[in-house]
PDB file of N, CA and C in Angstrom:
ATOM      1  N   MET A   1      21.318  -3.938  -6.558  1.00  0.00           N
ATOM      2  CA  MET A   1      20.757  -4.592  -7.725  1.00  0.00           C
ATOM      3  C   MET A   1      21.361  -3.950  -8.974  1.00  0.00           C
ATOM      4  N   ASP A   2      21.590  -4.769  -9.982  1.00  0.00           N
ATOM      5  CA  ASP A   2      22.153  -4.292 -11.238  1.00  0.00           C
ATOM      6  C   ASP A   2      21.183  -3.296 -11.883  1.00  0.00           C
ATOM      7  N   GLU A   3      21.664  -2.097 -12.181  1.00  0.00           N
ATOM      8  CA  GLU A   3      20.785  -1.058 -12.714  1.00  0.00           C
ATOM      9  C   GLU A   3      20.266  -1.382 -14.106  1.00  0.00           C
ATOM     10  N   SER A   4      21.018  -2.140 -14.908  1.00  0.00           N
ATOM     11  CA  SER A   4      20.506  -2.500 -16.235  1.00  0.00           C
ATOM     12  C   SER A   4      19.282  -3.393 -16.109  1.00  0.00           C
ATOM     13  N   LEU A   5      19.223  -4.217 -15.062  1.00  0.00           N
ATOM     14  CA  LEU A   5      18.037  -5.039 -14.803  1.00  0.00           C
ATOM     15  C   LEU A   5      16.841  -4.143 -14.494  1.00  0.00           C
ATOM     16  N   LEU A   6      17.064  -3.103 -13.678  1.00  0.00           N
ATOM     17  CA  LEU A   6      15.984  -2.167 -13.348  1.00  0.00           C
ATOM     18  C   LEU A   6      15.475  -1.451 -14.590  1.00  0.00           C
ATOM     19  N   TYR A   7      16.386  -0.936 -15.398  1.00  0.00           N
ATOM     20  CA  TYR A   7      16.006  -0.131 -16.554  1.00  0.00           C
ATOM     21  C   TYR A   7      15.438  -0.973 -17.695  1.00  0.00           C
ATOM     22  N   ASP A   8      16.087  -2.076 -18.016  1.00  0.00           N
ATOM     23  CA  ASP A   8      15.707  -2.853 -19.190  1.00  0.00           C
ATOM     24  C   ASP A   8      14.590  -3.858 -18.937  1.00  0.00           C
ATOM     25  N   ILE A   9      14.534  -4.457 -17.764  1.00  0.00           N
ATOM     26  CA  ILE A   9      13.530  -5.487 -17.480  1.00  0.00           C
ATOM     27  C   ILE A   9      12.318  -4.920 -16.740  1.00  0.00           C
ATOM     28  N   PHE A  10      12.560  -4.151 -15.692  1.00  0.00           N
ATOM     29  CA  PHE A  10      11.450  -3.649 -14.879  1.00  0.00           C
ATOM     30  C   PHE A  10      10.874  -2.333 -15.383  1.00  0.00           C
ATOM     31  N   GLY A  11      11.508  -1.698 -16.359  1.00  0.00           N
ATOM     32  CA  GLY A  11      10.959  -0.482 -16.946  1.00  0.00           C
ATOM     33  C   GLY A  11      11.149   0.779 -16.129  1.00  0.00           C
ATOM     34  N   VAL A  12      12.100   0.763 -15.209  1.00  0.00           N
ATOM     35  CA  VAL A  12      12.374   1.950 -14.399  1.00  0.00           C
ATOM     36  C   VAL A  12      13.062   2.989 -15.286  1.00  0.00           C
ATOM     37  N   ASP A  13      12.640   4.226 -15.159  1.00  0.00           N
ATOM     38  CA  ASP A  13      13.223   5.324 -15.923  1.00  0.00           C
ATOM     39  C   ASP A  13      14.657   5.566 -15.464  1.00  0.00           C
ATOM     40  N   ARG A  14      15.534   5.947 -16.384  1.00  0.00           N
ATOM     41  CA  ARG A  14      16.951   6.170 -16.065  1.00  0.00           C
ATOM     42  C   ARG A  14      17.185   7.415 -15.204  1.00  0.00           C
ATOM     43  N   THR A  15      16.144   8.166 -14.919  1.00  0.00           N
ATOM     44  CA  THR A  15      16.273   9.326 -14.035  1.00  0.00           C
ATOM     45  C   THR A  15      16.139   8.919 -12.566  1.00  0.00           C
ATOM     46  N   TYR A  16      16.070   7.614 -12.303  1.00  0.00           N
ATOM     47  CA  TYR A  16      16.026   7.086 -10.937  1.00  0.00           C
ATOM     48  C   TYR A  16      17.257   6.236 -10.683  1.00  0.00           C
ATOM     49  N   ARG A  17      17.686   6.192  -9.427  1.00  0.00           N
ATOM     50  CA  ARG A  17      18.821   5.354  -9.056  1.00  0.00           C
ATOM     51  C   ARG A  17      18.417   4.444  -7.897  1.00  0.00           C
ATOM     52  N   CYS A  18      19.054   3.295  -7.848  1.00  0.00           N
ATOM     53  CA  CYS A  18      18.810   2.328  -6.784  1.00  0.00           C
ATOM     54  C   CYS A  18      19.640   2.726  -5.570  1.00  0.00           C
ATOM     55  N   THR A  19      18.994   2.767  -4.402  1.00  0.00           N
ATOM     56  CA  THR A  19      19.716   3.098  -3.174  1.00  0.00           C
ATOM     57  C   THR A  19      19.883   1.893  -2.266  1.00  0.00           C
ATOM     58  N   GLY A  20      19.342   0.752  -2.690  1.00  0.00           N
ATOM     59  CA  GLY A  20      19.491  -0.462  -1.900  1.00  0.00           C
ATOM     60  C   GLY A  20      18.456  -1.501  -2.276  1.00  0.00           C
ATOM     61  N   SER A  21      18.736  -2.738  -1.899  1.00  0.00           N
ATOM     62  CA  SER A  21      17.770  -3.814  -2.125  1.00  0.00           C
ATOM     63  C   SER A  21      17.946  -4.852  -1.036  1.00  0.00           C
ATOM     64  N   GLU A  22      16.863  -5.567  -0.748  1.00  0.00           N
ATOM     65  CA  GLU A  22      16.922  -6.615   0.260  1.00  0.00           C
ATOM     66  C   GLU A  22      15.821  -7.635   0.004  1.00  0.00           C
ATOM     67  N   VAL A  23      16.040  -8.837   0.513  1.00  0.00           N
ATOM     68  CA  VAL A  23      15.031  -9.885   0.453  1.00  0.00           C
ATOM     69  C   VAL A  23      14.424  -9.978   1.843  1.00  0.00           C
ATOM     70  N   ARG A  24      13.099  -9.812   1.902  1.00  0.00           N
ATOM     71  CA  ARG A  24      12.391  -9.802   3.177  1.00  0.00           C
ATOM     72  C   ARG A  24      11.101 -10.585   3.019  1.00  0.00           C
ATOM     73  N   LEU A  25      10.883 -11.578   3.868  1.00  0.00           N
ATOM     74  CA  LEU A  25       9.665 -12.388   3.836  1.00  0.00           C
ATOM     75  C   LEU A  25       9.404 -12.977   2.445  1.00  0.00           C
ATOM     76  N   GLY A  26      10.478 -13.393   1.769  1.00  0.00           N
ATOM     77  CA  GLY A  26      10.343 -14.030   0.468  1.00  0.00           C
ATOM     78  C   GLY A  26      10.151 -13.084  -0.706  1.00  0.00           C
ATOM     79  N   ALA A  27      10.171 -11.778  -0.468  1.00  0.00           N
ATOM     80  CA  ALA A  27       9.999 -10.797  -1.549  1.00  0.00           C
ATOM     81  C   ALA A  27      11.270  -9.963  -1.687  1.00  0.00           C
ATOM     82  N   VAL A  28      11.497  -9.455  -2.881  1.00  0.00           N
ATOM     83  CA  VAL A  28      12.647  -8.591  -3.146  1.00  0.00           C
ATOM     84  C   VAL A  28      12.165  -7.146  -3.108  1.00  0.00           C
ATOM     85  N   TYR A  29      12.760  -6.331  -2.256  1.00  0.00           N
ATOM     86  CA  TYR A  29      12.414  -4.926  -2.128  1.00  0.00           C
ATOM     87  C   TYR A  29      13.582  -4.090  -2.670  1.00  0.00           C
ATOM     88  N   VAL A  30      13.272  -3.194  -3.596  1.00  0.00           N
ATOM     89  CA  VAL A  30      14.291  -2.355  -4.213  1.00  0.00           C
ATOM     90  C   VAL A  30      13.938  -0.895  -3.936  1.00  0.00           C
ATOM     91  N   ALA A  31      14.843  -0.178  -3.266  1.00  0.00           N
ATOM     92  CA  ALA A  31      14.623   1.239  -2.946  1.00  0.00           C
ATOM     93  C   ALA A  31      15.155   2.098  -4.088  1.00  0.00           C
ATOM     94  N   LEU A  32      14.326   3.043  -4.553  1.00  0.00           N
ATOM     95  CA  LEU A  32      14.692   3.937  -5.652  1.00  0.00           C
ATOM     96  C   LEU A  32      14.471   5.379  -5.237  1.00  0.00           C
ATOM     97  N   GLU A  33      15.334   6.263  -5.747  1.00  0.00           N
ATOM     98  CA  GLU A  33      15.145   7.693  -5.531  1.00  0.00           C
ATOM     99  C   GLU A  33      15.387   8.428  -6.845  1.00  0.00           C
ATOM    100  N   PRO A  34      14.707   9.560  -7.043  1.00  0.00           N
ATOM    101  CA  PRO A  34      14.912  10.312  -8.285  1.00  0.00           C
ATOM    102  C   PRO A  34      16.250  11.044  -8.270  1.00  0.00           C
ATOM    103  N   LYS A  35      16.844  11.168  -9.446  1.00  0.00           N
ATOM    104  CA  LYS A  35      18.051  11.972  -9.573  1.00  0.00           C
ATOM    105  C   LYS A  35      17.645  13.440  -9.555  1.00  0.00           C
ATOM    106  N   GLU A  36      18.590  14.310  -9.244  1.00  0.00           N
ATOM    107  CA  GLU A  36      18.314  15.742  -9.108  1.00  0.00           C
ATOM    108  C   GLU A  36      17.724  16.359 -10.375  1.00  0.00           C
ATOM    109  N   GLU A  37      18.009  15.802 -11.540  1.00  0.00           N
ATOM    110  CA  GLU A  37      17.504  16.355 -12.798  1.00  0.00           C
ATOM    111  C   GLU A  37      15.985  16.306 -12.906  1.00  0.00           C
ATOM    112  N   LEU A  38      15.318  15.505 -12.073  1.00  0.00           N
ATOM    113  CA  LEU A  38      13.853  15.438 -12.094  1.00  0.00           C
ATOM    114  C   LEU A  38      13.200  16.545 -11.274  1.00  0.00           C
ATOM    115  N   LEU A  39      13.972  17.221 -10.456  1.00  0.00           N
ATOM    116  CA  LEU A  39      13.407  18.246  -9.582  1.00  0.00           C
ATOM    117  C   LEU A  39      13.258  19.562 -10.354  1.00  0.00           C
ATOM    118  N   VAL A  40      12.200  19.608 -11.160  1.00  0.00           N
ATOM    119  CA  VAL A  40      11.903  20.756 -12.015  1.00  0.00           C
ATOM    120  C   VAL A  40      10.440  21.147 -11.788  1.00  0.00           C
ATOM    121  N   CYS A  41      10.181  22.435 -11.620  1.00  0.00           N
ATOM    122  CA  CYS A  41       8.816  22.916 -11.410  1.00  0.00           C
ATOM    123  C   CYS A  41       7.966  22.635 -12.655  1.00  0.00           C
ATOM    124  N   PRO A  42       6.817  21.977 -12.507  1.00  0.00           N
ATOM    125  CA  PRO A  42       5.966  21.690 -13.665  1.00  0.00           C
ATOM    126  C   PRO A  42       5.270  22.938 -14.213  1.00  0.00           C
ATOM    127  N   ASP A  43       5.187  24.006 -13.414  1.00  0.00           N
ATOM    128  CA  ASP A  43       4.523  25.239 -13.874  1.00  0.00           C
ATOM    129  C   ASP A  43       5.459  26.171 -14.636  1.00  0.00           C
ATOM    130  N   CYS A  44       6.596  26.504 -14.025  1.00  0.00           N
ATOM    131  CA  CYS A  44       7.472  27.501 -14.659  1.00  0.00           C
ATOM    132  C   CYS A  44       8.747  26.906 -15.249  1.00  0.00           C
ATOM    133  N   GLY A  45       9.025  25.629 -14.978  1.00  0.00           N
ATOM    134  CA  GLY A  45      10.204  24.978 -15.536  1.00  0.00           C
ATOM    135  C   GLY A  45      11.504  25.285 -14.808  1.00  0.00           C
ATOM    136  N   SER A  46      11.412  25.946 -13.676  1.00  0.00           N
ATOM    137  CA  SER A  46      12.603  26.312 -12.920  1.00  0.00           C
ATOM    138  C   SER A  46      13.207  25.091 -12.219  1.00  0.00           C
ATOM    139  N   THR A  47      14.532  25.082 -12.121  1.00  0.00           N
ATOM    140  CA  THR A  47      15.216  24.045 -11.352  1.00  0.00           C
ATOM    141  C   THR A  47      15.604  24.568  -9.969  1.00  0.00           C
ATOM    142  N   ASN A  48      15.176  25.777  -9.654  1.00  0.00           N
ATOM    143  CA  ASN A  48      15.447  26.398  -8.370  1.00  0.00           C
ATOM    144  C   ASN A  48      14.370  25.961  -7.373  1.00  0.00           C
ATOM    145  N   VAL A  49      14.460  24.676  -6.948  1.00  0.00           N
ATOM    146  CA  VAL A  49      13.458  24.106  -6.060  1.00  0.00           C
ATOM    147  C   VAL A  49      14.121  23.577  -4.794  1.00  0.00           C
ATOM    148  N   ILE A  50      13.337  23.482  -3.725  1.00  0.00           N
ATOM    149  CA  ILE A  50      13.818  22.897  -2.483  1.00  0.00           C
ATOM    150  C   ILE A  50      12.901  21.749  -2.113  1.00  0.00           C
ATOM    151  N   ARG A  51      13.464  20.750  -1.467  1.00  0.00           N
ATOM    152  CA  ARG A  51      12.669  19.610  -1.009  1.00  0.00           C
ATOM    153  C   ARG A  51      11.931  19.985   0.267  1.00  0.00           C
ATOM    154  N   LYS A  52      10.670  19.557   0.342  1.00  0.00           N
ATOM    155  CA  LYS A  52       9.829  19.863   1.506  1.00  0.00           C
ATOM    156  C   LYS A  52       9.191  18.583   2.035  1.00  0.00           C
ATOM    157  N   GLY A  53       9.967  17.506   2.075  1.00  0.00           N
ATOM    158  CA  GLY A  53       9.461  16.240   2.569  1.00  0.00           C
ATOM    159  C   GLY A  53       9.383  15.212   1.456  1.00  0.00           C
ATOM    160  N   LYS A  54       8.888  14.031   1.815  1.00  0.00           N
ATOM    161  CA  LYS A  54       8.765  12.957   0.834  1.00  0.00           C
ATOM    162  C   LYS A  54       7.823  11.892   1.371  1.00  0.00           C
ATOM    163  N   ARG A  55       7.400  11.018   0.468  1.00  0.00           N
ATOM    164  CA  ARG A  55       6.654   9.829   0.848  1.00  0.00           C
ATOM    165  C   ARG A  55       7.214   8.684   0.027  1.00  0.00           C
ATOM    166  N   THR A  56       6.896   7.474   0.410  1.00  0.00           N
ATOM    167  CA  THR A  56       7.367   6.304  -0.325  1.00  0.00           C
ATOM    168  C   THR A  56       6.177   5.610  -0.947  1.00  0.00           C
ATOM    169  N   ARG A  57       6.300   5.315  -2.221  1.00  0.00           N
ATOM    170  CA  ARG A  57       5.251   4.613  -2.944  1.00  0.00           C
ATOM    171  C   ARG A  57       5.763   3.215  -3.276  1.00  0.00           C
ATOM    172  N   GLN A  58       4.957   2.205  -2.983  1.00  0.00           N
ATOM    173  CA  GLN A  58       5.338   0.829  -3.270  1.00  0.00           C
ATOM    174  C   GLN A  58       4.645   0.367  -4.549  1.00  0.00           C
ATOM    175  N   ILE A  59       5.449  -0.118  -5.490  1.00  0.00           N
ATOM    176  CA  ILE A  59       4.931  -0.552  -6.783  1.00  0.00           C
ATOM    177  C   ILE A  59       5.374  -1.998  -7.008  1.00  0.00           C
ATOM    178  N   GLN A  60       4.404  -2.905  -7.139  1.00  0.00           N
ATOM    179  CA  GLN A  60       4.757  -4.293  -7.408  1.00  0.00           C
ATOM    180  C   GLN A  60       4.997  -4.458  -8.897  1.00  0.00           C
ATOM    181  N   THR A  61       6.082  -5.139  -9.247  1.00  0.00           N
ATOM    182  CA  THR A  61       6.453  -5.327 -10.636  1.00  0.00           C
ATOM    183  C   THR A  61       6.640  -6.815 -10.918  1.00  0.00           C
ATOM    184  N   LEU A  62       7.299  -7.145 -12.007  1.00  0.00           N
ATOM    185  CA  LEU A  62       7.498  -8.528 -12.407  1.00  0.00           C
ATOM    186  C   LEU A  62       8.257  -9.312 -11.344  1.00  0.00           C
ATOM    187  N   PRO A  63       7.848 -10.561 -11.092  1.00  0.00           N
ATOM    188  CA  PRO A  63       8.571 -11.365 -10.105  1.00  0.00           C
ATOM    189  C   PRO A  63       9.905 -11.865 -10.658  1.00  0.00           C
ATOM    190  N   ILE A  64      10.793 -12.211  -9.743  1.00  0.00           N
ATOM    191  CA  ILE A  64      12.030 -12.898 -10.095  1.00  0.00           C
ATOM    192  C   ILE A  64      11.836 -14.333  -9.608  1.00  0.00           C
ATOM    193  N   GLY A  65      11.642 -15.244 -10.550  1.00  0.00           N
ATOM    194  CA  GLY A  65      11.301 -16.619 -10.173  1.00  0.00           C
ATOM    195  C   GLY A  65       9.980 -16.613  -9.440  1.00  0.00           C
ATOM    196  N   PHE A  66       9.976 -17.172  -8.232  1.00  0.00           N
ATOM    197  CA  PHE A  66       8.752 -17.190  -7.429  1.00  0.00           C
ATOM    198  C   PHE A  66       8.718 -16.065  -6.391  1.00  0.00           C
ATOM    199  N   HIS A  67       9.668 -15.142  -6.488  1.00  0.00           N
ATOM    200  CA  HIS A  67       9.757 -14.052  -5.518  1.00  0.00           C
ATOM    201  C   HIS A  67       9.127 -12.774  -6.071  1.00  0.00           C
ATOM    202  N   PRO A  68       8.119 -12.229  -5.400  1.00  0.00           N
ATOM    203  CA  PRO A  68       7.575 -10.945  -5.842  1.00  0.00           C
ATOM    204  C   PRO A  68       8.627  -9.844  -5.698  1.00  0.00           C
ATOM    205  N   VAL A  69       8.548  -8.852  -6.572  1.00  0.00           N
ATOM    206  CA  VAL A  69       9.472  -7.714  -6.529  1.00  0.00           C
ATOM    207  C   VAL A  69       8.658  -6.448  -6.279  1.00  0.00           C
ATOM    208  N   VAL A  70       9.071  -5.675  -5.272  1.00  0.00           N
ATOM    209  CA  VAL A  70       8.395  -4.437  -4.904  1.00  0.00           C
ATOM    210  C   VAL A  70       9.392  -3.291  -5.023  1.00  0.00           C
ATOM    211  N   LEU A  71       9.041  -2.308  -5.851  1.00  0.00           N
ATOM    212  CA  LEU A  71       9.860  -1.101  -5.970  1.00  0.00           C
ATOM    213  C   LEU A  71       9.372  -0.100  -4.926  1.00  0.00           C
ATOM    214  N   GLN A  72      10.254   0.333  -4.056  1.00  0.00           N
ATOM    215  CA  GLN A  72       9.928   1.333  -3.044  1.00  0.00           C
ATOM    216  C   GLN A  72      10.475   2.661  -3.541  1.00  0.00           C
ATOM    217  N   VAL A  73       9.595   3.443  -4.149  1.00  0.00           N
ATOM    218  CA  VAL A  73      10.003   4.651  -4.853  1.00  0.00           C
ATOM    219  C   VAL A  73       9.787   5.885  -3.984  1.00  0.00           C
ATOM    220  N   GLU A  74      10.856   6.673  -3.830  1.00  0.00           N
ATOM    221  CA  GLU A  74      10.746   7.938  -3.105  1.00  0.00           C
ATOM    222  C   GLU A  74      10.014   8.942  -3.989  1.00  0.00           C
ATOM    223  N   VAL A  75       8.991   9.578  -3.425  1.00  0.00           N
ATOM    224  CA  VAL A  75       8.240  10.620  -4.125  1.00  0.00           C
ATOM    225  C   VAL A  75       8.482  11.921  -3.360  1.00  0.00           C
ATOM    226  N   PRO A  76       9.447  12.742  -3.831  1.00  0.00           N
ATOM    227  CA  PRO A  76       9.747  13.976  -3.109  1.00  0.00           C
ATOM    228  C   PRO A  76       8.675  15.046  -3.297  1.00  0.00           C
ATOM    229  N   ARG A  77       8.448  15.788  -2.246  1.00  0.00           N
ATOM    230  CA  ARG A  77       7.556  16.948  -2.291  1.00  0.00           C
ATOM    231  C   ARG A  77       8.477  18.162  -2.355  1.00  0.00           C
ATOM    232  N   CYS A  78       8.240  19.023  -3.322  1.00  0.00           N
ATOM    233  CA  CYS A  78       9.138  20.160  -3.560  1.00  0.00           C
ATOM    234  C   CYS A  78       8.369  21.476  -3.591  1.00  0.00           C
ATOM    235  N   ARG A  79       9.111  22.549  -3.409  1.00  0.00           N
ATOM    236  CA  ARG A  79       8.557  23.904  -3.521  1.00  0.00           C
ATOM    237  C   ARG A  79       9.481  24.697  -4.444  1.00  0.00           C
ATOM    238  N   CYS A  80       8.871  25.348  -5.429  1.00  0.00           N
ATOM    239  CA  CYS A  80       9.624  26.159  -6.385  1.00  0.00           C
ATOM    240  C   CYS A  80       9.922  27.515  -5.742  1.00  0.00           C
ATOM    241  N   LYS A  81      11.182  27.917  -5.762  1.00  0.00           N
ATOM    242  CA  LYS A  81      11.560  29.220  -5.210  1.00  0.00           C
ATOM    243  C   LYS A  81      11.177  30.360  -6.149  1.00  0.00           C
ATOM    244  N   SER A  82      10.967  30.045  -7.434  1.00  0.00           N
ATOM    245  CA  SER A  82      10.626  31.082  -8.406  1.00  0.00           C
ATOM    246  C   SER A  82       9.147  31.448  -8.375  1.00  0.00           C
ATOM    247  N   CYS A  83       8.250  30.429  -8.450  1.00  0.00           N
ATOM    248  CA  CYS A  83       6.813  30.720  -8.521  1.00  0.00           C
ATOM    249  C   CYS A  83       6.039  30.291  -7.271  1.00  0.00           C
ATOM    250  N   GLN A  84       6.744  29.709  -6.286  1.00  0.00           N
ATOM    251  CA  GLN A  84       6.154  29.309  -5.003  1.00  0.00           C
ATOM    252  C   GLN A  84       5.192  28.124  -5.089  1.00  0.00           C
ATOM    253  N   LYS A  85       5.133  27.416  -6.211  1.00  0.00           N
ATOM    254  CA  LYS A  85       4.247  26.258  -6.339  1.00  0.00           C
ATOM    255  C   LYS A  85       4.847  25.074  -5.581  1.00  0.00           C
ATOM    256  N   THR A  86       3.979  24.318  -4.890  1.00  0.00           N
ATOM    257  CA  THR A  86       4.376  23.081  -4.230  1.00  0.00           C
ATOM    258  C   THR A  86       3.917  21.929  -5.113  1.00  0.00           C
ATOM    259  N   PHE A  87       4.786  20.947  -5.310  1.00  0.00           N
ATOM    260  CA  PHE A  87       4.462  19.837  -6.197  1.00  0.00           C
ATOM    261  C   PHE A  87       5.204  18.577  -5.767  1.00  0.00           C
ATOM    262  N   GLU A  88       4.745  17.433  -6.274  1.00  0.00           N
ATOM    263  CA  GLU A  88       5.417  16.157  -6.063  1.00  0.00           C
ATOM    264  C   GLU A  88       6.017  15.695  -7.377  1.00  0.00           C
ATOM    265  N   VAL A  89       7.112  14.951  -7.284  1.00  0.00           N
ATOM    266  CA  VAL A  89       7.741  14.365  -8.457  1.00  0.00           C
ATOM    267  C   VAL A  89       7.308  12.904  -8.509  1.00  0.00           C
ATOM    268  N   ALA A  90       6.244  12.641  -9.280  1.00  0.00           N
ATOM    269  CA  ALA A  90       5.692  11.289  -9.368  1.00  0.00           C
ATOM    270  C   ALA A  90       6.521  10.442 -10.322  1.00  0.00           C
ATOM    271  N   PRO A  91       6.666   9.148 -10.031  1.00  0.00           N
ATOM    272  CA  PRO A  91       7.445   8.275 -10.909  1.00  0.00           C
ATOM    273  C   PRO A  91       6.829   8.189 -12.305  1.00  0.00           C
ATOM    274  N   PRO A  92       7.614   8.428 -13.362  1.00  0.00           N
ATOM    275  CA  PRO A  92       7.070   8.405 -14.723  1.00  0.00           C
ATOM    276  C   PRO A  92       6.790   7.000 -15.235  1.00  0.00           C
ATOM    277  N   PHE A  93       7.218   5.976 -14.490  1.00  0.00           N
ATOM    278  CA  PHE A  93       7.038   4.602 -14.941  1.00  0.00           C
ATOM    279  C   PHE A  93       5.886   3.892 -14.236  1.00  0.00           C
ATOM    280  N   ALA A  94       5.068   4.637 -13.497  1.00  0.00           N
ATOM    281  CA  ALA A  94       3.932   4.042 -12.787  1.00  0.00           C
ATOM    282  C   ALA A  94       2.671   4.841 -13.063  1.00  0.00           C
ATOM    283  N   ARG A  95       1.549   4.133 -13.084  1.00  0.00           N
ATOM    284  CA  ARG A  95       0.268   4.822 -13.280  1.00  0.00           C
ATOM    285  C   ARG A  95      -0.031   5.699 -12.070  1.00  0.00           C
ATOM    286  N   PRO A  96      -0.705   6.828 -12.298  1.00  0.00           N
ATOM    287  CA  PRO A  96      -1.088   7.676 -11.164  1.00  0.00           C
ATOM    288  C   PRO A  96      -2.067   6.942 -10.237  1.00  0.00           C
ATOM    289  N   THR A  97      -1.991   7.254  -8.962  1.00  0.00           N
ATOM    290  CA  THR A  97      -2.912   6.699  -7.983  1.00  0.00           C
ATOM    291  C   THR A  97      -3.789   7.837  -7.460  1.00  0.00           C
ATOM    292  N   PRO A  98      -4.842   7.519  -6.718  1.00  0.00           N
ATOM    293  CA  PRO A  98      -5.695   8.588  -6.174  1.00  0.00           C
ATOM    294  C   PRO A  98      -4.932   9.602  -5.320  1.00  0.00           C
ATOM    295  N   THR A  99      -3.788   9.202  -4.737  1.00  0.00           N
ATOM    296  CA  THR A  99      -3.017  10.137  -3.904  1.00  0.00           C
ATOM    297  C   THR A  99      -1.952  10.871  -4.705  1.00  0.00           C
ATOM    298  N   THR A 100      -1.792  10.526  -5.992  1.00  0.00           N
ATOM    299  CA  THR A 100      -0.825  11.214  -6.833  1.00  0.00           C
ATOM    300  C   THR A 100      -1.470  12.472  -7.406  1.00  0.00           C
ATOM    301  N   PRO A 101      -0.867  13.647  -7.167  1.00  0.00           N
ATOM    302  CA  PRO A 101      -1.474  14.879  -7.700  1.00  0.00           C
ATOM    303  C   PRO A 101      -1.412  14.925  -9.223  1.00  0.00           C
ATOM    304  N   ALA A 102      -2.442  15.476  -9.824  1.00  0.00           N
ATOM    305  CA  ALA A 102      -2.471  15.641 -11.291  1.00  0.00           C
ATOM    306  C   ALA A 102      -1.531  16.753 -11.680  1.00  0.00           C
ATOM    307  N   ARG A 103      -0.947  16.637 -12.837  1.00  0.00           N
ATOM    308  CA  ARG A 103      -0.054  17.693 -13.332  1.00  0.00           C
ATOM    309  C   ARG A 103      -0.807  18.658 -14.160  1.00  0.00           C
TER     310      ARG A 103
END
């Protein structure tokens, strides 16, 4: 999918990149992952972090014509090597959900 469409129309932050898209059951699914620059400890600000798993969050956005669009956003779980804090990198373009940890 054209990245300018993601950034300008759907409101996706430029710190995310598209890793693929497909049409399935009449809906458009777009896979997104955060760029490495987002992997920063929220407590100490260190970039010395390691990934410790991930989950996928599905966010429905504006339709294209009559086709719903679902953003499948990777939410990495990280551990800071400096302060040992474990945290998730939540998408900055979506409202927090009950499973999204508070910062």
